[in-house]
Structures are given as C-alpha cells and as structure tokens.
Amino acid sequence: MKPAILLIGTNGQVGRELNRMLPRVGEVTSLDRQRLDLTQPEEIRRAIRRFHPQFIINSAAYTMVDKAESEETVVRAINAEAPAVMAEEAKKIGASLIHFSTDYVFDGLKNFPYDEDDPPNPRNVYGRTKLEGERAIQASGASHLIFRTGGVYATEGRNFLLTILRLATHREELRVVCDQIISPTLNSEIAAATTRILAQICDREGGPFSLADVSGIYHMTAGGETSWFDFTNAILEEAAQNPEPGAWLSAATGGLPLIARRVIPITADEYPTPAKRPAYSVLSNARLNRTFSLQFPPWRLQLHSIFAKSPAETR
C-alpha cells in the first residue's frame, strides 16, 4: 500500500515538480498557498490532523531575500514558525517531515564547500528564519530530513534564469555580480532526488514507514561552483545555441530575440541590496551521496539539459 503524503507548497519551484513526481511513490494530497495559509498555525494543525499523512513534505518558503528584510514578522511565520508546527504535529501522529532549507544559513567566509557540520551564521533575515525553522524541526523529536539547497531555478515562475533571459531581450549590456560563488541547481533535479530518497525509504521500511534511521540535515545542490556572472554567460551561450526554442524559452523571452552583447562583471559592493549575501555558499553533497547513493550532475550539465530538450518535450 502506498504511503499517504501531504505536500505543502505546490506553488513553488520545487513544489511544482514534486507534485508531478511524488505520485510514483505515494498517495499525494497537495496544498498550495490558496488552500493553506502558513501564517496561521491552527490552519496547519487542522490540515495535518485531517489528512493524517505518513509523510509531510514542506516545499513552501518565503524566498524573496531582499523584501524579507522589511517583512521579518511574516517571513518568520512562514520560514520558522510554520515548520515548527508541522514538526510538532508530525511527532504527535508518528509522521515524518521532509523540509527544504538554504545555503544562506552560512556567512560565506569559507572558500571551499560547506558541510552539514559547519556552524551556521546567516547574514540576512531570510537565512536567519530558515535556520530557526531547521532548529525547531530538530528540537521537535520528529523524524525528519532537512535538505539544504541553493541557487534554485526553473523554466517557470520567478528566478535568476528567467530574469536574465528577459533582460537580455531589452538590454545590450548586462551588469552581473562576479564575487558571489554558488551552485545553481535545477528544481527538477531537487524534486527527482527527493522522490528517489522517499522511494528508498519506503522500500527499505516496508511499513510502518519511518525515516528515523537517516534523520538529519543533508546538502542537496548541483555539482561544481560558479559565480552569478559566469552563470549568466552560460545561460546566454545555451540560449544562443538553441535554434528552435521550446515553449518555456519562448515564454521567457516573450518571443523576442536576445540583444545582449556584453556581460559586465561587477562586485557585490557595486550592486548594493537590502539583504547581505554570502560571498561563498557552495555546499558539499558528500553526506547525501554516502547515505542515499545520489550524485547530482554538475551545474552546467543541469543547465544544458533544459535547453537541449526538443520543443515537443518542453510543451
């Protein structure tokens, strides 16, 4: 019998893909922001008690990093207090919680990949509230998996990839930060890995389902590292080499040609933002690989994969 899965946050980049993939593993109930207000703890409790799932997957978050600086109360409610409630309720009903966190829990002072045991030291409201959510889940006693990821992008929604493609249809010159190093990660890779992990756990347990033996924090990002500047150049190179764009690329550009001819590297100091960001937020996937035998493709290969699909595949 397939396990009951409650998926929270189907509006988001990862949530949309999880909603498509998770039915392979279990019976999925999906709640988006219209059906579940994460700023209302009692709504969360009622939903979990009503559906009584074996797995709760929280892919919802407040992710507008700069806007978060001026909306800390709402950000904390969604990123910290809501996961705390989910974990409390999971503990009460014997469910397991899968939750997504961020590379922004780190300060970026390292110059080689962070592992899960490195001390967090977030530099902005978004990172601080995500860390508070992590710690509340850990303190709850519920079985849990916390997947930290970063630089997430997709072929729909709002993200860096689509912003660059849109700007490239209006500007001949783009100025992009070159001194922030990340591992941009495709949303579908995160969803696919999460689905495979859940399948492994279900196969291993055979019921009742539990992931207590592998509970903890795991890093989950693309292989390798790059800057936002180099990522931008890679996006434009892939787009230029795509003579027959699929539906997503046509939608991203509004059907307009790319006119960007130059990408100018600038420093973070030259592009001040309300939220401070880590200069280096690359994560090591070593623990994920050891525990679940998962190897994420390099970031450039992930990027190439969405441009390489035929137009028919992207419709």
C-alpha atoms as a PDB file:
ATOM      1  CA  MET A   1       0.000   0.000   0.000  1.00  0.00           C
ATOM      2  CA  LYS A   2       1.353   3.403  -0.952  1.00  0.00           C
ATOM      3  CA  PRO A   3       2.014   5.860   1.904  1.00  0.00           C
ATOM      4  CA  ALA A   4      -0.081   8.993   2.353  1.00  0.00           C
ATOM      5  CA  ILE A   5       1.939  12.119   1.526  1.00  0.00           C
ATOM      6  CA  LEU A   6       0.908  15.687   2.358  1.00  0.00           C
ATOM      7  CA  LEU A   7       2.748  18.113   0.053  1.00  0.00           C
ATOM      8  CA  ILE A   8       2.747  21.720   1.234  1.00  0.00           C
ATOM      9  CA  GLY A   9       3.818  24.496  -1.122  1.00  0.00           C
ATOM     10  CA  THR A  10       2.896  23.401  -4.621  1.00  0.00           C
ATOM     11  CA  ASN A  11       3.140  26.991  -5.899  1.00  0.00           C
ATOM     12  CA  GLY A  12       6.920  26.996  -5.514  1.00  0.00           C
ATOM     13  CA  GLN A  13       9.625  25.905  -7.927  1.00  0.00           C
ATOM     14  CA  VAL A  14      10.404  22.625  -6.181  1.00  0.00           C
ATOM     15  CA  GLY A  15       6.814  22.043  -5.091  1.00  0.00           C
ATOM     16  CA  ARG A  16       5.509  22.067  -8.657  1.00  0.00           C
ATOM     17  CA  GLU A  17       7.924  19.327  -9.663  1.00  0.00           C
ATOM     18  CA  LEU A  18       7.292  17.300  -6.520  1.00  0.00           C
ATOM     19  CA  ASN A  19       3.569  17.422  -7.235  1.00  0.00           C
ATOM     20  CA  ARG A  20       4.297  15.822 -10.594  1.00  0.00           C
ATOM     21  CA  MET A  21       6.752  13.168  -9.370  1.00  0.00           C
ATOM     22  CA  LEU A  22       5.559  12.075  -5.927  1.00  0.00           C
ATOM     23  CA  PRO A  23       2.529  10.062  -7.118  1.00  0.00           C
ATOM     24  CA  ARG A  24       5.066   7.435  -8.216  1.00  0.00           C
ATOM     25  CA  VAL A  25       5.754   6.850  -4.522  1.00  0.00           C
ATOM     26  CA  GLY A  26       2.584   7.578  -2.611  1.00  0.00           C
ATOM     27  CA  GLU A  27      -0.954   8.927  -2.457  1.00  0.00           C
ATOM     28  CA  VAL A  28      -0.409  12.679  -2.577  1.00  0.00           C
ATOM     29  CA  THR A  29      -2.550  15.467  -1.165  1.00  0.00           C
ATOM     30  CA  SER A  30      -1.266  18.844  -2.360  1.00  0.00           C
ATOM     31  CA  LEU A  31      -1.868  22.182  -0.650  1.00  0.00           C
ATOM     32  CA  ASP A  32      -0.893  25.495  -2.202  1.00  0.00           C
ATOM     33  CA  ARG A  33      -0.982  28.920  -0.561  1.00  0.00           C
ATOM     34  CA  GLN A  34      -4.645  29.364  -1.504  1.00  0.00           C
ATOM     35  CA  ARG A  35      -5.608  26.226   0.424  1.00  0.00           C
ATOM     36  CA  LEU A  36      -3.249  26.640   3.376  1.00  0.00           C
ATOM     37  CA  ASP A  37      -2.157  29.933   4.959  1.00  0.00           C
ATOM     38  CA  LEU A  38       1.201  29.241   6.593  1.00  0.00           C
ATOM     39  CA  THR A  39       0.943  32.347   8.759  1.00  0.00           C
ATOM     40  CA  GLN A  40      -1.956  30.657  10.607  1.00  0.00           C
ATOM     41  CA  PRO A  41      -0.660  27.850  12.866  1.00  0.00           C
ATOM     42  CA  GLU A  42      -4.122  26.439  13.565  1.00  0.00           C
ATOM     43  CA  GLU A  43      -4.777  26.006   9.837  1.00  0.00           C
ATOM     44  CA  ILE A  44      -1.598  23.957   9.597  1.00  0.00           C
ATOM     45  CA  ARG A  45      -2.579  21.801  12.569  1.00  0.00           C
ATOM     46  CA  ARG A  46      -6.072  21.170  11.187  1.00  0.00           C
ATOM     47  CA  ALA A  47      -4.728  20.210   7.762  1.00  0.00           C
ATOM     48  CA  ILE A  48      -2.255  17.697   9.170  1.00  0.00           C
ATOM     49  CA  ARG A  49      -4.819  16.193  11.548  1.00  0.00           C
ATOM     50  CA  ARG A  50      -7.411  15.990   8.770  1.00  0.00           C
ATOM     51  CA  PHE A  51      -5.206  14.208   6.230  1.00  0.00           C
ATOM     52  CA  HIS A  52      -3.141  12.252   8.816  1.00  0.00           C
ATOM     53  CA  PRO A  53      -0.246  11.613   6.387  1.00  0.00           C
ATOM     54  CA  GLN A  54       2.708   9.342   6.892  1.00  0.00           C
ATOM     55  CA  PHE A  55       4.980  11.899   5.250  1.00  0.00           C
ATOM     56  CA  ILE A  56       4.707  15.673   5.330  1.00  0.00           C
ATOM     57  CA  ILE A  57       6.797  17.419   2.671  1.00  0.00           C
ATOM     58  CA  ASN A  58       7.206  21.161   3.142  1.00  0.00           C
ATOM     59  CA  SER A  59       8.431  22.856  -0.015  1.00  0.00           C
ATOM     60  CA  ALA A  60       6.916  26.222   0.924  1.00  0.00           C
ATOM     61  CA  ALA A  61       9.034  29.183   1.976  1.00  0.00           C
ATOM     62  CA  TYR A  62       9.258  32.936   1.876  1.00  0.00           C
ATOM     63  CA  THR A  63      12.149  33.312  -0.589  1.00  0.00           C
ATOM     64  CA  MET A  64      12.181  36.999  -1.582  1.00  0.00           C
ATOM     65  CA  VAL A  65      15.522  37.643   0.088  1.00  0.00           C
ATOM     66  CA  ASP A  66      15.618  41.431  -0.185  1.00  0.00           C
ATOM     67  CA  LYS A  67      11.956  42.040   0.586  1.00  0.00           C
ATOM     68  CA  ALA A  68      12.359  39.810   3.638  1.00  0.00           C
ATOM     69  CA  GLU A  69      14.466  42.498   5.315  1.00  0.00           C
ATOM     70  CA  SER A  70      11.367  44.681   5.715  1.00  0.00           C
ATOM     71  CA  GLU A  71       8.832  41.904   6.401  1.00  0.00           C
ATOM     72  CA  GLU A  72      10.525  39.944   9.144  1.00  0.00           C
ATOM     73  CA  THR A  73       7.339  39.050  11.037  1.00  0.00           C
ATOM     74  CA  VAL A  74       5.730  37.408   8.012  1.00  0.00           C
ATOM     75  CA  VAL A  75       8.999  35.777   6.954  1.00  0.00           C
ATOM     76  CA  ARG A  76       9.476  34.248  10.399  1.00  0.00           C
ATOM     77  CA  ALA A  77       5.912  32.969  10.450  1.00  0.00           C
ATOM     78  CA  ILE A  78       6.398  31.104   7.150  1.00  0.00           C
ATOM     79  CA  ASN A  79      10.059  30.042   7.379  1.00  0.00           C
ATOM     80  CA  ALA A  80      10.382  29.284  11.104  1.00  0.00           C
ATOM     81  CA  GLU A  81       7.071  29.058  12.936  1.00  0.00           C
ATOM     82  CA  ALA A  82       5.171  27.066  10.295  1.00  0.00           C
ATOM     83  CA  PRO A  83       7.820  24.313  10.043  1.00  0.00           C
ATOM     84  CA  ALA A  84       7.877  24.167  13.847  1.00  0.00           C
ATOM     85  CA  VAL A  85       4.129  23.482  13.877  1.00  0.00           C
ATOM     86  CA  MET A  86       4.481  20.871  11.113  1.00  0.00           C
ATOM     87  CA  ALA A  87       7.174  19.095  13.115  1.00  0.00           C
ATOM     88  CA  GLU A  88       5.133  19.173  16.331  1.00  0.00           C
ATOM     89  CA  GLU A  89       2.122  17.695  14.575  1.00  0.00           C
ATOM     90  CA  ALA A  90       4.264  15.122  12.762  1.00  0.00           C
ATOM     91  CA  LYS A  91       5.632  13.979  16.092  1.00  0.00           C
ATOM     92  CA  LYS A  92       2.133  13.632  17.538  1.00  0.00           C
ATOM     93  CA  ILE A  93       0.810  11.444  14.721  1.00  0.00           C
ATOM     94  CA  GLY A  94       4.014   9.490  14.062  1.00  0.00           C
ATOM     95  CA  ALA A  95       4.617  11.088  10.659  1.00  0.00           C
ATOM     96  CA  SER A  96       7.941  12.104   9.140  1.00  0.00           C
ATOM     97  CA  LEU A  97       8.749  15.610   7.890  1.00  0.00           C
ATOM     98  CA  ILE A  98      10.810  16.460   4.806  1.00  0.00           C
ATOM     99  CA  HIS A  99      11.771  20.139   4.681  1.00  0.00           C
ATOM    100  CA  PHE A 100      13.883  22.314   2.377  1.00  0.00           C
ATOM    101  CA  SER A 101      16.357  24.875   3.675  1.00  0.00           C
ATOM    102  CA  THR A 102      19.066  27.065   2.173  1.00  0.00           C
ATOM    103  CA  ASP A 103      22.752  27.720   1.635  1.00  0.00           C
ATOM    104  CA  TYR A 104      22.094  31.189   3.082  1.00  0.00           C
ATOM    105  CA  VAL A 105      22.310  29.790   6.634  1.00  0.00           C
ATOM    106  CA  PHE A 106      26.087  30.267   6.176  1.00  0.00           C
ATOM    107  CA  ASP A 107      28.057  33.514   6.229  1.00  0.00           C
ATOM    108  CA  GLY A 108      30.171  32.762   3.156  1.00  0.00           C
ATOM    109  CA  LEU A 109      33.564  33.255   4.804  1.00  0.00           C
ATOM    110  CA  LYS A 110      34.855  29.845   3.708  1.00  0.00           C
ATOM    111  CA  ASN A 111      36.434  29.268   0.321  1.00  0.00           C
ATOM    112  CA  PHE A 112      35.650  25.561  -0.017  1.00  0.00           C
ATOM    113  CA  PRO A 113      32.301  23.741   0.204  1.00  0.00           C
ATOM    114  CA  TYR A 114      30.353  23.823   3.442  1.00  0.00           C
ATOM    115  CA  ASP A 115      29.371  20.525   5.014  1.00  0.00           C
ATOM    116  CA  GLU A 116      26.466  19.915   7.347  1.00  0.00           C
ATOM    117  CA  ASP A 117      28.603  20.221  10.496  1.00  0.00           C
ATOM    118  CA  ASP A 118      29.900  23.701   9.710  1.00  0.00           C
ATOM    119  CA  PRO A 119      28.464  26.293  12.116  1.00  0.00           C
ATOM    120  CA  PRO A 120      25.691  28.381  10.543  1.00  0.00           C
ATOM    121  CA  ASN A 121      25.938  32.167  10.686  1.00  0.00           C
ATOM    122  CA  PRO A 122      23.315  33.718   8.391  1.00  0.00           C
ATOM    123  CA  ARG A 123      23.729  37.298   7.179  1.00  0.00           C
ATOM    124  CA  ASN A 124      20.116  38.180   6.419  1.00  0.00           C
ATOM    125  CA  VAL A 125      16.536  37.747   7.628  1.00  0.00           C
ATOM    126  CA  TYR A 126      15.822  35.011   5.106  1.00  0.00           C
ATOM    127  CA  GLY A 127      18.808  32.939   6.242  1.00  0.00           C
ATOM    128  CA  ARG A 128      18.107  33.534   9.936  1.00  0.00           C
ATOM    129  CA  THR A 129      14.480  32.470   9.700  1.00  0.00           C
ATOM    130  CA  LYS A 130      15.341  29.381   7.660  1.00  0.00           C
ATOM    131  CA  LEU A 131      17.878  28.419  10.324  1.00  0.00           C
ATOM    132  CA  GLU A 132      15.255  28.924  13.026  1.00  0.00           C
ATOM    133  CA  GLY A 133      12.995  26.564  11.096  1.00  0.00           C
ATOM    134  CA  GLU A 134      15.735  23.940  10.899  1.00  0.00           C
ATOM    135  CA  ARG A 135      16.384  24.126  14.633  1.00  0.00           C
ATOM    136  CA  ALA A 136      12.709  23.910  15.529  1.00  0.00           C
ATOM    137  CA  ILE A 137      12.357  20.746  13.448  1.00  0.00           C
ATOM    138  CA  GLN A 138      15.430  19.209  15.076  1.00  0.00           C
ATOM    139  CA  ALA A 139      14.147  20.078  18.555  1.00  0.00           C
ATOM    140  CA  SER A 140      10.697  18.589  17.921  1.00  0.00           C
ATOM    141  CA  GLY A 141      11.794  14.985  18.100  1.00  0.00           C
ATOM    142  CA  ALA A 142      10.002  14.185  14.846  1.00  0.00           C
ATOM    143  CA  SER A 143      11.698  12.013  12.236  1.00  0.00           C
ATOM    144  CA  HIS A 144      12.896  14.426   9.577  1.00  0.00           C
ATOM    145  CA  LEU A 145      15.038  15.144   6.560  1.00  0.00           C
ATOM    146  CA  ILE A 146      16.204  18.715   6.013  1.00  0.00           C
ATOM    147  CA  PHE A 147      17.615  19.337   2.558  1.00  0.00           C
ATOM    148  CA  ARG A 148      19.673  22.494   2.160  1.00  0.00           C
ATOM    149  CA  THR A 149      19.883  23.709  -1.390  1.00  0.00           C
ATOM    150  CA  GLY A 150      20.642  26.968  -3.179  1.00  0.00           C
ATOM    151  CA  GLY A 151      20.557  28.965  -6.390  1.00  0.00           C
ATOM    152  CA  VAL A 152      17.346  27.181  -7.375  1.00  0.00           C
ATOM    153  CA  TYR A 153      15.996  27.950 -10.832  1.00  0.00           C
ATOM    154  CA  ALA A 154      13.305  26.595 -13.134  1.00  0.00           C
ATOM    155  CA  THR A 155      11.743  27.099 -16.541  1.00  0.00           C
ATOM    156  CA  GLU A 156       8.694  28.773 -14.983  1.00  0.00           C
ATOM    157  CA  GLY A 157       7.967  31.051 -12.071  1.00  0.00           C
ATOM    158  CA  ARG A 158      10.358  33.747 -10.863  1.00  0.00           C
ATOM    159  CA  ASN A 159      14.084  33.025 -10.757  1.00  0.00           C
ATOM    160  CA  PHE A 160      17.510  34.145 -11.968  1.00  0.00           C
ATOM    161  CA  LEU A 161      17.416  32.162 -15.226  1.00  0.00           C
ATOM    162  CA  LEU A 162      14.171  33.732 -16.399  1.00  0.00           C
ATOM    163  CA  THR A 163      15.190  37.200 -15.227  1.00  0.00           C
ATOM    164  CA  ILE A 164      18.394  37.072 -17.269  1.00  0.00           C
ATOM    165  CA  LEU A 165      16.585  35.865 -20.385  1.00  0.00           C
ATOM    166  CA  ARG A 166      14.001  38.613 -20.047  1.00  0.00           C
ATOM    167  CA  LEU A 167      16.612  41.334 -19.519  1.00  0.00           C
ATOM    168  CA  ALA A 168      18.649  40.014 -22.451  1.00  0.00           C
ATOM    169  CA  THR A 169      15.767  40.845 -24.793  1.00  0.00           C
ATOM    170  CA  HIS A 170      15.806  44.510 -23.707  1.00  0.00           C
ATOM    171  CA  ARG A 171      19.423  45.383 -22.945  1.00  0.00           C
ATOM    172  CA  GLU A 172      22.619  45.084 -24.943  1.00  0.00           C
ATOM    173  CA  GLU A 173      24.668  45.170 -21.755  1.00  0.00           C
ATOM    174  CA  LEU A 174      24.063  43.283 -18.512  1.00  0.00           C
ATOM    175  CA  ARG A 175      25.932  44.015 -15.278  1.00  0.00           C
ATOM    176  CA  VAL A 176      26.126  40.968 -13.014  1.00  0.00           C
ATOM    177  CA  VAL A 177      27.849  40.273  -9.691  1.00  0.00           C
ATOM    178  CA  CYS A 178      31.018  38.221 -10.078  1.00  0.00           C
ATOM    179  CA  ASP A 179      32.176  37.794  -6.468  1.00  0.00           C
ATOM    180  CA  GLN A 180      29.358  35.644  -5.096  1.00  0.00           C
ATOM    181  CA  ILE A 181      30.017  31.944  -5.682  1.00  0.00           C
ATOM    182  CA  ILE A 182      27.136  29.461  -5.765  1.00  0.00           C
ATOM    183  CA  SER A 183      25.990  26.122  -7.197  1.00  0.00           C
ATOM    184  CA  PRO A 184      22.881  26.905  -9.270  1.00  0.00           C
ATOM    185  CA  THR A 185      20.507  23.958  -9.038  1.00  0.00           C
ATOM    186  CA  LEU A 186      17.635  22.968 -11.290  1.00  0.00           C
ATOM    187  CA  ASN A 187      14.332  22.489  -9.470  1.00  0.00           C
ATOM    188  CA  SER A 188      13.531  19.205 -11.201  1.00  0.00           C
ATOM    189  CA  GLU A 189      16.832  17.682 -10.012  1.00  0.00           C
ATOM    190  CA  ILE A 190      15.921  18.507  -6.408  1.00  0.00           C
ATOM    191  CA  ALA A 191      12.440  17.052  -6.807  1.00  0.00           C
ATOM    192  CA  ALA A 192      13.731  13.919  -8.542  1.00  0.00           C
ATOM    193  CA  ALA A 193      16.334  13.314  -5.832  1.00  0.00           C
ATOM    194  CA  THR A 194      13.750  13.804  -3.079  1.00  0.00           C
ATOM    195  CA  THR A 195      11.389  11.380  -4.791  1.00  0.00           C
ATOM    196  CA  ARG A 196      14.140   8.764  -5.140  1.00  0.00           C
ATOM    197  CA  ILE A 197      15.090   9.125  -1.482  1.00  0.00           C
ATOM    198  CA  LEU A 198      11.492   8.711  -0.386  1.00  0.00           C
ATOM    199  CA  ALA A 199      11.183   5.629  -2.588  1.00  0.00           C
ATOM    200  CA  GLN A 200      14.336   4.181  -0.991  1.00  0.00           C
ATOM    201  CA  ILE A 201      12.934   4.729   2.493  1.00  0.00           C
ATOM    202  CA  CYS A 202       9.577   3.189   1.643  1.00  0.00           C
ATOM    203  CA  ASP A 203      11.215   0.170   0.027  1.00  0.00           C
ATOM    204  CA  ARG A 204      13.547  -0.272   2.966  1.00  0.00           C
ATOM    205  CA  GLU A 205      10.911   0.045   5.667  1.00  0.00           C
ATOM    206  CA  GLY A 206       8.080  -1.839   4.005  1.00  0.00           C
ATOM    207  CA  GLY A 207       5.763  -0.259   6.605  1.00  0.00           C
ATOM    208  CA  PRO A 208       5.152   1.189   9.001  1.00  0.00           C
ATOM    209  CA  PHE A 209       7.070   3.924   7.226  1.00  0.00           C
ATOM    210  CA  SER A 210       9.804   5.693   9.139  1.00  0.00           C
ATOM    211  CA  LEU A 211      12.977   7.539   8.284  1.00  0.00           C
ATOM    212  CA  ALA A 212      14.231   7.812  11.852  1.00  0.00           C
ATOM    213  CA  ASP A 213      17.407   5.912  10.993  1.00  0.00           C
ATOM    214  CA  VAL A 214      18.520   8.580   8.492  1.00  0.00           C
ATOM    215  CA  SER A 215      17.050  11.705  10.120  1.00  0.00           C
ATOM    216  CA  GLY A 216      19.141  14.833   9.839  1.00  0.00           C
ATOM    217  CA  ILE A 217      20.393  17.616   7.595  1.00  0.00           C
ATOM    218  CA  TYR A 218      21.697  16.930   4.100  1.00  0.00           C
ATOM    219  CA  HIS A 219      23.084  19.244   1.457  1.00  0.00           C
ATOM    220  CA  MET A 220      21.475  18.924  -1.967  1.00  0.00           C
ATOM    221  CA  THR A 221      22.887  21.103  -4.746  1.00  0.00           C
ATOM    222  CA  ALA A 222      24.337  20.796  -8.227  1.00  0.00           C
ATOM    223  CA  GLY A 223      27.949  19.705  -8.558  1.00  0.00           C
ATOM    224  CA  GLY A 224      30.654  22.303  -9.030  1.00  0.00           C
ATOM    225  CA  GLU A 225      30.530  26.024  -8.462  1.00  0.00           C
ATOM    226  CA  THR A 226      30.270  29.264 -10.401  1.00  0.00           C
ATOM    227  CA  SER A 227      29.538  32.962  -9.991  1.00  0.00           C
ATOM    228  CA  TRP A 228      26.332  34.729 -10.950  1.00  0.00           C
ATOM    229  CA  PHE A 229      28.387  36.404 -13.686  1.00  0.00           C
ATOM    230  CA  ASP A 230      29.587  33.128 -15.182  1.00  0.00           C
ATOM    231  CA  PHE A 231      26.150  31.586 -14.771  1.00  0.00           C
ATOM    232  CA  THR A 232      24.743  34.475 -16.793  1.00  0.00           C
ATOM    233  CA  ASN A 233      27.258  33.899 -19.587  1.00  0.00           C
ATOM    234  CA  ALA A 234      26.384  30.196 -19.604  1.00  0.00           C
ATOM    235  CA  ILE A 235      22.654  30.965 -19.865  1.00  0.00           C
ATOM    236  CA  LEU A 236      23.186  33.278 -22.825  1.00  0.00           C
ATOM    237  CA  GLU A 237      25.519  30.780 -24.517  1.00  0.00           C
ATOM    238  CA  GLU A 238      22.959  28.000 -24.197  1.00  0.00           C
ATOM    239  CA  ALA A 239      20.175  30.235 -25.493  1.00  0.00           C
ATOM    240  CA  ALA A 240      22.266  31.372 -28.472  1.00  0.00           C
ATOM    241  CA  GLN A 241      22.973  27.759 -29.422  1.00  0.00           C
ATOM    242  CA  ASN A 242      19.277  26.866 -29.384  1.00  0.00           C
ATOM    243  CA  PRO A 243      17.986  27.460 -32.942  1.00  0.00           C
ATOM    244  CA  GLU A 244      14.486  26.131 -32.224  1.00  0.00           C
ATOM    245  CA  PRO A 245      13.414  27.264 -28.759  1.00  0.00           C
ATOM    246  CA  GLY A 246      10.826  25.281 -26.868  1.00  0.00           C
ATOM    247  CA  ALA A 247       7.706  26.692 -25.252  1.00  0.00           C
ATOM    248  CA  TRP A 248       9.388  27.644 -21.982  1.00  0.00           C
ATOM    249  CA  LEU A 249      12.172  29.623 -23.683  1.00  0.00           C
ATOM    250  CA  SER A 250       9.724  31.391 -25.979  1.00  0.00           C
ATOM    251  CA  ALA A 251       7.642  32.307 -22.944  1.00  0.00           C
ATOM    252  CA  ALA A 252      10.712  33.537 -21.045  1.00  0.00           C
ATOM    253  CA  THR A 253      11.750  35.865 -23.868  1.00  0.00           C
ATOM    254  CA  GLY A 254       8.244  36.818 -24.940  1.00  0.00           C
ATOM    255  CA  GLY A 255       9.204  35.571 -28.379  1.00  0.00           C
ATOM    256  CA  LEU A 256      11.729  38.404 -28.684  1.00  0.00           C
ATOM    257  CA  PRO A 257      15.339  37.932 -29.853  1.00  0.00           C
ATOM    258  CA  LEU A 258      18.202  38.204 -27.385  1.00  0.00           C
ATOM    259  CA  ILE A 259      20.033  41.501 -27.936  1.00  0.00           C
ATOM    260  CA  ALA A 260      22.501  41.318 -25.022  1.00  0.00           C
ATOM    261  CA  ARG A 261      26.045  41.523 -26.393  1.00  0.00           C
ATOM    262  CA  ARG A 262      28.088  42.119 -23.253  1.00  0.00           C
ATOM    263  CA  VAL A 263      28.018  40.885 -19.676  1.00  0.00           C
ATOM    264  CA  ILE A 264      29.999  43.185 -17.398  1.00  0.00           C
ATOM    265  CA  PRO A 265      31.347  41.733 -14.116  1.00  0.00           C
ATOM    266  CA  ILE A 266      30.714  43.892 -11.065  1.00  0.00           C
ATOM    267  CA  THR A 267      31.294  43.382  -7.343  1.00  0.00           C
ATOM    268  CA  ALA A 268      28.570  42.965  -4.764  1.00  0.00           C
ATOM    269  CA  ASP A 269      29.586  46.371  -3.383  1.00  0.00           C
ATOM    270  CA  GLU A 270      28.756  47.890  -6.756  1.00  0.00           C
ATOM    271  CA  TYR A 271      25.282  46.405  -6.622  1.00  0.00           C
ATOM    272  CA  PRO A 272      24.057  47.061  -3.073  1.00  0.00           C
ATOM    273  CA  THR A 273      20.938  45.199  -1.964  1.00  0.00           C
ATOM    274  CA  PRO A 274      18.854  45.392   1.240  1.00  0.00           C
ATOM    275  CA  ALA A 275      19.964  41.873   2.230  1.00  0.00           C
ATOM    276  CA  LYS A 276      23.606  40.907   2.608  1.00  0.00           C
ATOM    277  CA  ARG A 277      24.503  37.690   0.843  1.00  0.00           C
ATOM    278  CA  PRO A 278      27.320  35.211   1.498  1.00  0.00           C
ATOM    279  CA  ALA A 279      30.287  35.600  -0.849  1.00  0.00           C
ATOM    280  CA  TYR A 280      30.675  31.810  -0.995  1.00  0.00           C
ATOM    281  CA  SER A 281      27.769  29.442  -0.370  1.00  0.00           C
ATOM    282  CA  VAL A 282      28.763  26.234  -2.132  1.00  0.00           C
ATOM    283  CA  LEU A 283      27.605  23.094  -0.309  1.00  0.00           C
ATOM    284  CA  SER A 284      29.177  19.647  -0.153  1.00  0.00           C
ATOM    285  CA  ASN A 285      26.847  16.777  -1.072  1.00  0.00           C
ATOM    286  CA  ALA A 286      29.143  14.137   0.427  1.00  0.00           C
ATOM    287  CA  ARG A 287      26.733  13.082   3.192  1.00  0.00           C
ATOM    288  CA  LEU A 288      23.841  12.822   0.727  1.00  0.00           C
ATOM    289  CA  ASN A 289      25.975  10.687  -1.572  1.00  0.00           C
ATOM    290  CA  ARG A 290      27.110   8.377   1.237  1.00  0.00           C
ATOM    291  CA  THR A 291      23.655   7.874   2.725  1.00  0.00           C
ATOM    292  CA  PHE A 292      21.467   7.656  -0.366  1.00  0.00           C
ATOM    293  CA  SER A 293      23.987   6.922  -3.157  1.00  0.00           C
ATOM    294  CA  LEU A 294      22.903  10.044  -5.033  1.00  0.00           C
ATOM    295  CA  GLN A 295      25.259  12.009  -7.271  1.00  0.00           C
ATOM    296  CA  PHE A 296      23.994  15.358  -8.547  1.00  0.00           C
ATOM    297  CA  PRO A 297      25.003  16.382 -12.085  1.00  0.00           C
ATOM    298  CA  PRO A 298      27.322  19.407 -12.452  1.00  0.00           C
ATOM    299  CA  TRP A 299      25.539  22.745 -12.647  1.00  0.00           C
ATOM    300  CA  ARG A 300      26.493  23.316 -16.290  1.00  0.00           C
ATOM    301  CA  LEU A 301      25.088  19.931 -17.315  1.00  0.00           C
ATOM    302  CA  GLN A 302      21.846  20.683 -15.485  1.00  0.00           C
ATOM    303  CA  LEU A 303      21.560  24.000 -17.299  1.00  0.00           C
ATOM    304  CA  HIS A 304      22.298  22.400 -20.661  1.00  0.00           C
ATOM    305  CA  SER A 305      19.625  19.762 -20.084  1.00  0.00           C
ATOM    306  CA  ILE A 306      16.742  22.239 -20.193  1.00  0.00           C
ATOM    307  CA  PHE A 307      17.977  23.908 -23.390  1.00  0.00           C
ATOM    308  CA  ALA A 308      18.780  20.571 -25.061  1.00  0.00           C
ATOM    309  CA  LYS A 309      15.205  19.296 -24.893  1.00  0.00           C
ATOM    310  CA  SER A 310      13.299  19.379 -28.170  1.00  0.00           C
ATOM    311  CA  PRO A 311      10.410  21.838 -28.496  1.00  0.00           C
ATOM    312  CA  ALA A 312       7.971  18.955 -28.191  1.00  0.00           C
ATOM    313  CA  GLU A 313       9.475  17.906 -24.858  1.00  0.00           C
ATOM    314  CA  THR A 314       9.144  21.377 -23.367  1.00  0.00           C
ATOM    315  CA  ARG A 315       5.481  21.857 -24.200  1.00  0.00           C
END
